[in-house]
PDB file of N, CA and C in Angstrom:
ATOM      1  N   MET A   1      72.195 140.060  56.080  1.00  0.00           N
ATOM      2  CA  MET A   1      73.554 139.582  56.229  1.00  0.00           C
ATOM      3  C   MET A   1      74.009 139.724  57.438  1.00  0.00           C
ATOM      4  N   THR A   2      74.716 138.565  58.172  1.00  0.00           N
ATOM      5  CA  THR A   2      75.090 138.734  59.801  1.00  0.00           C
ATOM      6  C   THR A   2      77.056 139.516  59.165  1.00  0.00           C
ATOM      7  N   PRO A   3      76.683 140.262  60.318  1.00  0.00           N
ATOM      8  CA  PRO A   3      78.338 141.276  60.323  1.00  0.00           C
ATOM      9  C   PRO A   3      79.739 140.215  60.047  1.00  0.00           C
ATOM     10  N   TYR A   4      80.369 140.160  60.024  1.00  0.00           N
ATOM     11  CA  TYR A   4      81.861 139.434  60.154  1.00  0.00           C
ATOM     12  C   TYR A   4      82.143 139.867  61.263  1.00  0.00           C
ATOM     13  N   ARG A   5      83.145 138.964  61.649  1.00  0.00           N
ATOM     14  CA  ARG A   5      83.851 139.037  62.967  1.00  0.00           C
ATOM     15  C   ARG A   5      85.115 139.422  62.633  1.00  0.00           C
ATOM     16  N   TRP A   6      85.615 141.183  63.560  1.00  0.00           N
ATOM     17  CA  TRP A   6      86.921 141.522  63.573  1.00  0.00           C
ATOM     18  C   TRP A   6      87.421 140.457  64.281  1.00  0.00           C
ATOM     19  N   VAL A   7      89.081 140.877  63.599  1.00  0.00           N
ATOM     20  CA  VAL A   7      90.004 139.872  64.493  1.00  0.00           C
ATOM     21  C   VAL A   7      91.347 141.012  64.211  1.00  0.00           C
ATOM     22  N   PHE A   8      92.175 141.254  65.290  1.00  0.00           N
ATOM     23  CA  PHE A   8      93.286 142.258  65.128  1.00  0.00           C
ATOM     24  C   PHE A   8      94.259 141.648  65.414  1.00  0.00           C
ATOM     25  N   GLU A   9      95.309 142.065  64.394  1.00  0.00           N
ATOM     26  CA  GLU A   9      96.763 141.146  65.035  1.00  0.00           C
ATOM     27  C   GLU A   9      97.381 141.934  66.300  1.00  0.00           C
ATOM     28  N   GLN A  10      98.501 141.605  66.758  1.00  0.00           N
ATOM     29  CA  GLN A  10      98.709 142.205  68.412  1.00  0.00           C
ATOM     30  C   GLN A  10      99.457 143.651  67.833  1.00  0.00           C
ATOM     31  N   SER A  11      99.838 144.234  67.033  1.00  0.00           N
ATOM     32  CA  SER A  11     100.366 145.268  66.609  1.00  0.00           C
ATOM     33  C   SER A  11      99.399 146.348  66.526  1.00  0.00           C
ATOM     34  N   ALA A  12      98.510 145.734  65.602  1.00  0.00           N
ATOM     35  CA  ALA A  12      97.643 146.696  64.937  1.00  0.00           C
ATOM     36  C   ALA A  12      96.509 146.805  66.552  1.00  0.00           C
ATOM     37  N   LEU A  13      96.153 145.969  67.720  1.00  0.00           N
ATOM     38  CA  LEU A  13      95.188 146.326  69.028  1.00  0.00           C
ATOM     39  C   LEU A  13      96.514 146.663  69.723  1.00  0.00           C
ATOM     40  N   ASP A  14      97.657 146.932  69.657  1.00  0.00           N
ATOM     41  CA  ASP A  14      98.653 147.577  70.527  1.00  0.00           C
ATOM     42  C   ASP A  14      98.837 149.755  70.116  1.00  0.00           C
ATOM     43  N   ALA A  15      98.047 149.253  68.672  1.00  0.00           N
ATOM     44  CA  ALA A  15      98.498 150.890  68.209  1.00  0.00           C
ATOM     45  C   ALA A  15      97.036 151.515  68.433  1.00  0.00           C
ATOM     46  N   LEU A  16      96.005 150.648  68.556  1.00  0.00           N
ATOM     47  CA  LEU A  16      94.524 151.145  69.003  1.00  0.00           C
ATOM     48  C   LEU A  16      94.514 151.489  70.673  1.00  0.00           C
ATOM     49  N   LEU A  17      94.903 150.906  71.425  1.00  0.00           N
ATOM     50  CA  LEU A  17      94.928 150.598  73.213  1.00  0.00           C
ATOM     51  C   LEU A  17      96.373 151.925  73.019  1.00  0.00           C
ATOM     52  N   SER A  18      97.120 152.088  72.139  1.00  0.00           N
ATOM     53  CA  SER A  18      97.760 153.849  72.616  1.00  0.00           C
ATOM     54  C   SER A  18      96.854 154.640  72.591  1.00  0.00           C
ATOM     55  N   LEU A  19      96.163 154.594  72.094  1.00  0.00           N
ATOM     56  CA  LEU A  19      95.473 155.823  71.786  1.00  0.00           C
ATOM     57  C   LEU A  19      94.305 156.407  72.735  1.00  0.00           C
ATOM     58  N   LYS A  20      94.000 157.598  72.629  1.00  0.00           N
ATOM     59  CA  LYS A  20      92.880 158.390  73.765  1.00  0.00           C
ATOM     60  C   LYS A  20      91.627 157.889  73.452  1.00  0.00           C
ATOM     61  N   SER A  21      91.076 157.444  74.305  1.00  0.00           N
ATOM     62  CA  SER A  21      89.802 156.309  74.121  1.00  0.00           C
ATOM     63  C   SER A  21      88.545 156.875  73.585  1.00  0.00           C
ATOM     64  N   ARG A  22      88.554 157.971  73.447  1.00  0.00           N
ATOM     65  CA  ARG A  22      87.688 158.671  71.979  1.00  0.00           C
ATOM     66  C   ARG A  22      88.061 158.540  71.267  1.00  0.00           C
ATOM     67  N   GLN A  23      89.347 158.844  70.370  1.00  0.00           N
ATOM     68  CA  GLN A  23      89.640 158.108  69.562  1.00  0.00           C
ATOM     69  C   GLN A  23      89.556 156.732  69.217  1.00  0.00           C
ATOM     70  N   ALA A  24      90.137 156.133  69.939  1.00  0.00           N
ATOM     71  CA  ALA A  24      90.123 154.593  70.101  1.00  0.00           C
ATOM     72  C   ALA A  24      88.542 153.966  69.767  1.00  0.00           C
ATOM     73  N   PHE A  25      87.108 154.593  70.431  1.00  0.00           N
ATOM     74  CA  PHE A  25      86.092 154.424  70.238  1.00  0.00           C
ATOM     75  C   PHE A  25      85.733 154.636  68.807  1.00  0.00           C
ATOM     76  N   ALA A  26      86.299 156.028  68.049  1.00  0.00           N
ATOM     77  CA  ALA A  26      85.924 155.991  66.690  1.00  0.00           C
ATOM     78  C   ALA A  26      85.995 155.322  65.801  1.00  0.00           C
ATOM     79  N   LEU A  27      87.568 154.438  66.302  1.00  0.00           N
ATOM     80  CA  LEU A  27      88.238 153.413  65.484  1.00  0.00           C
ATOM     81  C   LEU A  27      87.541 152.375  65.285  1.00  0.00           C
ATOM     82  N   VAL A  28      86.792 151.832  66.708  1.00  0.00           N
ATOM     83  CA  VAL A  28      86.289 150.519  66.877  1.00  0.00           C
ATOM     84  C   VAL A  28      85.093 151.039  66.268  1.00  0.00           C
ATOM     85  N   VAL A  29      84.212 151.920  66.185  1.00  0.00           N
ATOM     86  CA  VAL A  29      83.121 152.268  65.249  1.00  0.00           C
ATOM     87  C   VAL A  29      83.221 151.627  63.888  1.00  0.00           C
ATOM     88  N   ARG A  30      84.553 152.337  63.473  1.00  0.00           N
ATOM     89  CA  ARG A  30      84.897 151.869  61.631  1.00  0.00           C
ATOM     90  C   ARG A  30      85.131 150.943  61.882  1.00  0.00           C
ATOM     91  N   VAL A  31      86.059 150.128  62.083  1.00  0.00           N
ATOM     92  CA  VAL A  31      85.905 148.617  62.450  1.00  0.00           C
ATOM     93  C   VAL A  31      84.541 147.660  61.897  1.00  0.00           C
ATOM     94  N   ASN A  32      83.938 148.230  62.793  1.00  0.00           N
ATOM     95  CA  ASN A  32      82.293 147.783  63.137  1.00  0.00           C
ATOM     96  C   ASN A  32      82.004 147.762  61.333  1.00  0.00           C
ATOM     97  N   GLU A  33      82.070 149.050  61.094  1.00  0.00           N
ATOM     98  CA  GLU A  33      81.480 149.506  59.876  1.00  0.00           C
ATOM     99  C   GLU A  33      82.003 148.253  58.743  1.00  0.00           C
ATOM    100  N   LEU A  34      83.696 147.848  58.759  1.00  0.00           N
ATOM    101  CA  LEU A  34      84.342 147.410  57.815  1.00  0.00           C
ATOM    102  C   LEU A  34      83.273 145.491  58.236  1.00  0.00           C
ATOM    103  N   ALA A  35      82.694 145.244  59.550  1.00  0.00           N
ATOM    104  CA  ALA A  35      82.479 144.143  59.755  1.00  0.00           C
ATOM    105  C   ALA A  35      81.143 144.034  59.070  1.00  0.00           C
ATOM    106  N   VAL A  36      80.107 145.118  59.003  1.00  0.00           N
ATOM    107  CA  VAL A  36      78.684 144.963  58.479  1.00  0.00           C
ATOM    108  C   VAL A  36      78.917 144.829  56.907  1.00  0.00           C
ATOM    109  N   HIS A  37      80.264 145.927  56.512  1.00  0.00           N
ATOM    110  CA  HIS A  37      80.068 145.701  54.843  1.00  0.00           C
ATOM    111  C   HIS A  37      81.615 145.369  54.579  1.00  0.00           C
ATOM    112  N   PRO A  38      81.727 144.135  54.536  1.00  0.00           N
ATOM    113  CA  PRO A  38      83.043 143.859  54.515  1.00  0.00           C
ATOM    114  C   PRO A  38      83.411 143.576  53.074  1.00  0.00           C
ATOM    115  N   PHE A  39      82.394 143.876  51.852  1.00  0.00           N
ATOM    116  CA  PHE A  39      83.097 143.908  50.631  1.00  0.00           C
ATOM    117  C   PHE A  39      83.584 145.332  50.119  1.00  0.00           C
ATOM    118  N   ARG A  40      83.202 146.163  51.099  1.00  0.00           N
ATOM    119  CA  ARG A  40      83.502 147.819  51.107  1.00  0.00           C
ATOM    120  C   ARG A  40      85.325 147.153  49.875  1.00  0.00           C
ATOM    121  N   SER A  41      85.413 148.437  49.217  1.00  0.00           N
ATOM    122  CA  SER A  41      86.408 148.246  48.526  1.00  0.00           C
ATOM    123  C   SER A  41      87.385 149.436  49.391  1.00  0.00           C
ATOM    124  N   GLY A  42      88.421 149.162  49.412  1.00  0.00           N
ATOM    125  CA  GLY A  42      89.686 150.141  50.307  1.00  0.00           C
ATOM    126  C   GLY A  42      90.864 150.796  49.157  1.00  0.00           C
ATOM    127  N   HIS A  43      90.977 151.786  50.029  1.00  0.00           N
ATOM    128  CA  HIS A  43      91.636 152.952  49.029  1.00  0.00           C
ATOM    129  C   HIS A  43      92.803 152.253  48.248  1.00  0.00           C
ATOM    130  N   ILE A  44      93.461 151.271  48.738  1.00  0.00           N
ATOM    131  CA  ILE A  44      94.932 150.933  48.127  1.00  0.00           C
ATOM    132  C   ILE A  44      94.590 149.504  48.082  1.00  0.00           C
ATOM    133  N   VAL A  45      95.041 148.663  47.645  1.00  0.00           N
ATOM    134  CA  VAL A  45      95.577 147.007  47.684  1.00  0.00           C
ATOM    135  C   VAL A  45      97.071 146.549  47.596  1.00  0.00           C
ATOM    136  N   TYR A  46      97.394 145.949  47.993  1.00  0.00           N
ATOM    137  CA  TYR A  46      98.680 145.430  47.479  1.00  0.00           C
ATOM    138  C   TYR A  46      98.880 143.759  48.614  1.00  0.00           C
ATOM    139  N   ARG A  47      99.718 143.119  48.200  1.00  0.00           N
ATOM    140  CA  ARG A  47      99.548 141.831  48.688  1.00  0.00           C
ATOM    141  C   ARG A  47     100.812 141.648  49.797  1.00  0.00           C
ATOM    142  N   ASP A  48     100.483 141.109  50.396  1.00  0.00           N
ATOM    143  CA  ASP A  48     101.969 140.813  52.029  1.00  0.00           C
ATOM    144  C   ASP A  48     102.474 139.724  51.458  1.00  0.00           C
ATOM    145  N   SER A  49     103.282 139.402  52.581  1.00  0.00           N
ATOM    146  CA  SER A  49     104.647 138.062  52.225  1.00  0.00           C
ATOM    147  C   SER A  49     103.792 137.057  52.315  1.00  0.00           C
ATOM    148  N   ARG A  50     102.523 136.998  52.785  1.00  0.00           N
ATOM    149  CA  ARG A  50     101.632 135.599  52.242  1.00  0.00           C
ATOM    150  C   ARG A  50     100.470 135.477  51.319  1.00  0.00           C
ATOM    151  N   GLN A  51     100.877 136.422  50.486  1.00  0.00           N
ATOM    152  CA  GLN A  51     100.215 136.385  48.985  1.00  0.00           C
ATOM    153  C   GLN A  51      98.537 136.825  49.306  1.00  0.00           C
ATOM    154  N   ARG A  52      98.149 137.089  50.875  1.00  0.00           N
ATOM    155  CA  ARG A  52      96.854 137.557  51.048  1.00  0.00           C
ATOM    156  C   ARG A  52      96.762 139.129  50.535  1.00  0.00           C
ATOM    157  N   GLU A  53      95.686 139.191  50.092  1.00  0.00           N
ATOM    158  CA  GLU A  53      95.370 140.966  49.024  1.00  0.00           C
ATOM    159  C   GLU A  53      95.039 141.736  50.698  1.00  0.00           C
ATOM    160  N   VAL A  54      95.311 142.250  50.774  1.00  0.00           N
ATOM    161  CA  VAL A  54      95.110 143.287  51.972  1.00  0.00           C
ATOM    162  C   VAL A  54      94.892 144.853  50.988  1.00  0.00           C
ATOM    163  N   GLN A  55      94.094 145.212  51.747  1.00  0.00           N
ATOM    164  CA  GLN A  55      93.202 146.119  51.938  1.00  0.00           C
ATOM    165  C   GLN A  55      93.391 147.625  52.878  1.00  0.00           C
ATOM    166  N   VAL A  56      93.587 148.751  52.350  1.00  0.00           N
ATOM    167  CA  VAL A  56      93.903 150.100  53.311  1.00  0.00           C
ATOM    168  C   VAL A  56      92.838 150.703  52.927  1.00  0.00           C
ATOM    169  N   TRP A  57      92.160 151.229  53.952  1.00  0.00           N
ATOM    170  CA  TRP A  57      91.289 152.249  53.914  1.00  0.00           C
ATOM    171  C   TRP A  57      91.457 153.450  55.098  1.00  0.00           C
ATOM    172  N   LEU A  58      91.760 154.338  54.354  1.00  0.00           N
ATOM    173  CA  LEU A  58      91.792 156.199  54.581  1.00  0.00           C
ATOM    174  C   LEU A  58      91.220 156.467  55.047  1.00  0.00           C
ATOM    175  N   VAL A  59      90.353 156.234  56.383  1.00  0.00           N
ATOM    176  CA  VAL A  59      89.615 157.639  57.314  1.00  0.00           C
ATOM    177  C   VAL A  59      89.915 157.930  58.476  1.00  0.00           C
ATOM    178  N   ASP A  60      89.629 158.635  59.179  1.00  0.00           N
ATOM    179  CA  ASP A  60      89.067 159.277  59.988  1.00  0.00           C
ATOM    180  C   ASP A  60      91.137 159.599  60.471  1.00  0.00           C
ATOM    181  N   GLY A  61      91.569 160.038  59.619  1.00  0.00           N
ATOM    182  CA  GLY A  61      93.794 160.168  59.422  1.00  0.00           C
ATOM    183  C   GLY A  61      94.173 159.285  59.874  1.00  0.00           C
ATOM    184  N   PHE A  62      93.654 157.781  60.008  1.00  0.00           N
ATOM    185  CA  PHE A  62      94.356 156.401  60.166  1.00  0.00           C
ATOM    186  C   PHE A  62      94.047 155.381  58.863  1.00  0.00           C
ATOM    187  N   GLU A  63      95.061 154.663  58.615  1.00  0.00           N
ATOM    188  CA  GLU A  63      95.054 153.834  57.946  1.00  0.00           C
ATOM    189  C   GLU A  63      94.607 152.198  58.279  1.00  0.00           C
ATOM    190  N   PHE A  64      93.815 151.534  57.871  1.00  0.00           N
ATOM    191  CA  PHE A  64      93.244 150.421  58.368  1.00  0.00           C
ATOM    192  C   PHE A  64      93.983 149.783  56.931  1.00  0.00           C
ATOM    193  N   HIS A  65      95.157 148.546  57.614  1.00  0.00           N
ATOM    194  CA  HIS A  65      95.241 147.637  56.409  1.00  0.00           C
ATOM    195  C   HIS A  65      94.260 146.496  57.508  1.00  0.00           C
ATOM    196  N   TYR A  66      93.922 146.078  55.907  1.00  0.00           N
ATOM    197  CA  TYR A  66      93.139 144.611  56.442  1.00  0.00           C
ATOM    198  C   TYR A  66      93.146 143.718  55.619  1.00  0.00           C
ATOM    199  N   ALA A  67      92.445 142.602  55.577  1.00  0.00           N
ATOM    200  CA  ALA A  67      92.415 141.581  55.025  1.00  0.00           C
ATOM    201  C   ALA A  67      90.905 140.581  55.234  1.00  0.00           C
ATOM    202  N   LEU A  68      90.537 139.991  53.995  1.00  0.00           N
ATOM    203  CA  LEU A  68      89.118 139.200  54.435  1.00  0.00           C
ATOM    204  C   LEU A  68      89.476 138.088  54.182  1.00  0.00           C
ATOM    205  N   ASP A  69      88.499 137.458  55.065  1.00  0.00           N
ATOM    206  CA  ASP A  69      88.849 135.937  55.187  1.00  0.00           C
ATOM    207  C   ASP A  69      87.387 135.482  55.014  1.00  0.00           C
ATOM    208  N   HIS A  70      86.685 135.313  53.873  1.00  0.00           N
ATOM    209  CA  HIS A  70      85.406 134.619  53.336  1.00  0.00           C
ATOM    210  C   HIS A  70      85.180 133.604  54.093  1.00  0.00           C
ATOM    211  N   ALA A  71      85.944 132.548  54.537  1.00  0.00           N
ATOM    212  CA  ALA A  71      85.375 130.923  54.549  1.00  0.00           C
ATOM    213  C   ALA A  71      85.463 131.336  55.988  1.00  0.00           C
ATOM    214  N   GLY A  72      86.139 132.232  56.755  1.00  0.00           N
ATOM    215  CA  GLY A  72      86.136 132.622  58.214  1.00  0.00           C
ATOM    216  C   GLY A  72      85.205 133.720  58.741  1.00  0.00           C
ATOM    217  N   ARG A  73      84.665 134.442  57.755  1.00  0.00           N
ATOM    218  CA  ARG A  73      84.024 135.489  58.007  1.00  0.00           C
ATOM    219  C   ARG A  73      84.642 136.629  58.961  1.00  0.00           C
ATOM    220  N   GLU A  74      85.902 136.510  58.609  1.00  0.00           N
ATOM    221  CA  GLU A  74      86.630 137.414  59.254  1.00  0.00           C
ATOM    222  C   GLU A  74      86.953 138.846  58.377  1.00  0.00           C
ATOM    223  N   VAL A  75      87.222 139.743  59.567  1.00  0.00           N
ATOM    224  CA  VAL A  75      88.006 141.380  58.874  1.00  0.00           C
ATOM    225  C   VAL A  75      88.967 140.785  59.717  1.00  0.00           C
ATOM    226  N   ARG A  76      89.952 140.784  59.058  1.00  0.00           N
ATOM    227  CA  ARG A  76      91.506 140.554  59.992  1.00  0.00           C
ATOM    228  C   ARG A  76      92.533 141.820  59.823  1.00  0.00           C
ATOM    229  N   ILE A  77      92.508 142.911  60.711  1.00  0.00           N
ATOM    230  CA  ILE A  77      93.175 143.639  61.224  1.00  0.00           C
ATOM    231  C   ILE A  77      94.730 143.869  60.989  1.00  0.00           C
ATOM    232  N   ALA A  78      95.089 143.930  60.115  1.00  0.00           N
ATOM    233  CA  ALA A  78      96.551 143.953  60.334  1.00  0.00           C
ATOM    234  C   ALA A  78      97.490 145.079  60.810  1.00  0.00           C
ATOM    235  N   GLU A  79      97.132 146.446  60.495  1.00  0.00           N
ATOM    236  CA  GLU A  79      97.541 147.117  60.590  1.00  0.00           C
ATOM    237  C   GLU A  79      96.975 148.219  61.080  1.00  0.00           C
ATOM    238  N   LEU A  80      97.406 149.434  61.819  1.00  0.00           N
ATOM    239  CA  LEU A  80      96.233 150.560  62.154  1.00  0.00           C
ATOM    240  C   LEU A  80      97.737 151.543  62.513  1.00  0.00           C
ATOM    241  N   ARG A  81      97.457 152.557  61.393  1.00  0.00           N
ATOM    242  CA  ARG A  81      98.145 153.664  61.696  1.00  0.00           C
ATOM    243  C   ARG A  81      98.220 154.868  61.089  1.00  0.00           C
ATOM    244  N   PRO A  82      98.537 156.384  61.638  1.00  0.00           N
ATOM    245  CA  PRO A  82      98.201 157.447  61.173  1.00  0.00           C
ATOM    246  C   PRO A  82      98.510 157.514  59.505  1.00  0.00           C
ATOM    247  N   ASP A  83      97.649 158.208  59.322  1.00  0.00           N
ATOM    248  CA  ASP A  83      97.598 157.966  57.380  1.00  0.00           C
ATOM    249  C   ASP A  83      99.056 159.024  57.049  1.00  0.00           C
ATOM    250  N   SER A  84      99.255 158.120  56.440  1.00  0.00           N
ATOM    251  CA  SER A  84     100.753 158.358  55.693  1.00  0.00           C
ATOM    252  C   SER A  84     100.841 158.993  53.899  1.00  0.00           C
ATOM    253  N   PHE A  85      99.432 158.776  53.799  1.00  0.00           N
ATOM    254  CA  PHE A  85      98.787 158.795  51.978  1.00  0.00           C
ATOM    255  C   PHE A  85      98.393 160.234  51.748  1.00  0.00           C
ATOM    256  N   THR A  86      97.430 160.277  52.836  1.00  0.00           N
ATOM    257  CA  THR A  86      96.751 162.146  52.319  1.00  0.00           C
ATOM    258  C   THR A  86      97.315 162.885  53.010  1.00  0.00           C
ATOM    259  N   LEU A  87      97.405 163.983  52.290  1.00  0.00           N
ATOM    260  CA  LEU A  87      98.197 165.596  52.557  1.00  0.00           C
ATOM    261  C   LEU A  87      97.091 166.629  53.533  1.00  0.00           C
ATOM    262  N   HIS A  88      97.868 166.378  54.903  1.00  0.00           N
ATOM    263  CA  HIS A  88      97.109 166.976  55.766  1.00  0.00           C
ATOM    264  C   HIS A  88      97.610 168.873  56.180  1.00  0.00           C
ATOM    265  N   PRO A  89      96.676 169.350  56.102  1.00  0.00           N
ATOM    266  CA  PRO A  89      97.163 171.089  55.919  1.00  0.00           C
ATOM    267  C   PRO A  89      97.904 171.249  57.406  1.00  0.00           C
TER     268      PRO A  89
END
C-alpha cells in the first residue's frame, strides 16, 4: 500500500518547529509511521467542531491529534502538544 500523505495544520507545524531538531526529527519519524499505517487506532477518539473523527496517539511524550482523509489519502495532523494524559514520574 502506498503511504498516505501527511499534512500539518499551522499550529501543529509551529509546535513541531519549536522543538529541538533531534526531537522534531523523531516526531517526523512517528508521523511517517502514521502515513504508512493510517488505520492504526489512536488511544483517544473525539469529534472536532466540524464533526470529523479525531484520534489522539500518545507517543514519545507527545499527543498527536490527527484526522484521516481516506478519499484524499491524507493524515491531517491537527495538533501536536506535550502529553497531558500520561502520568510522568
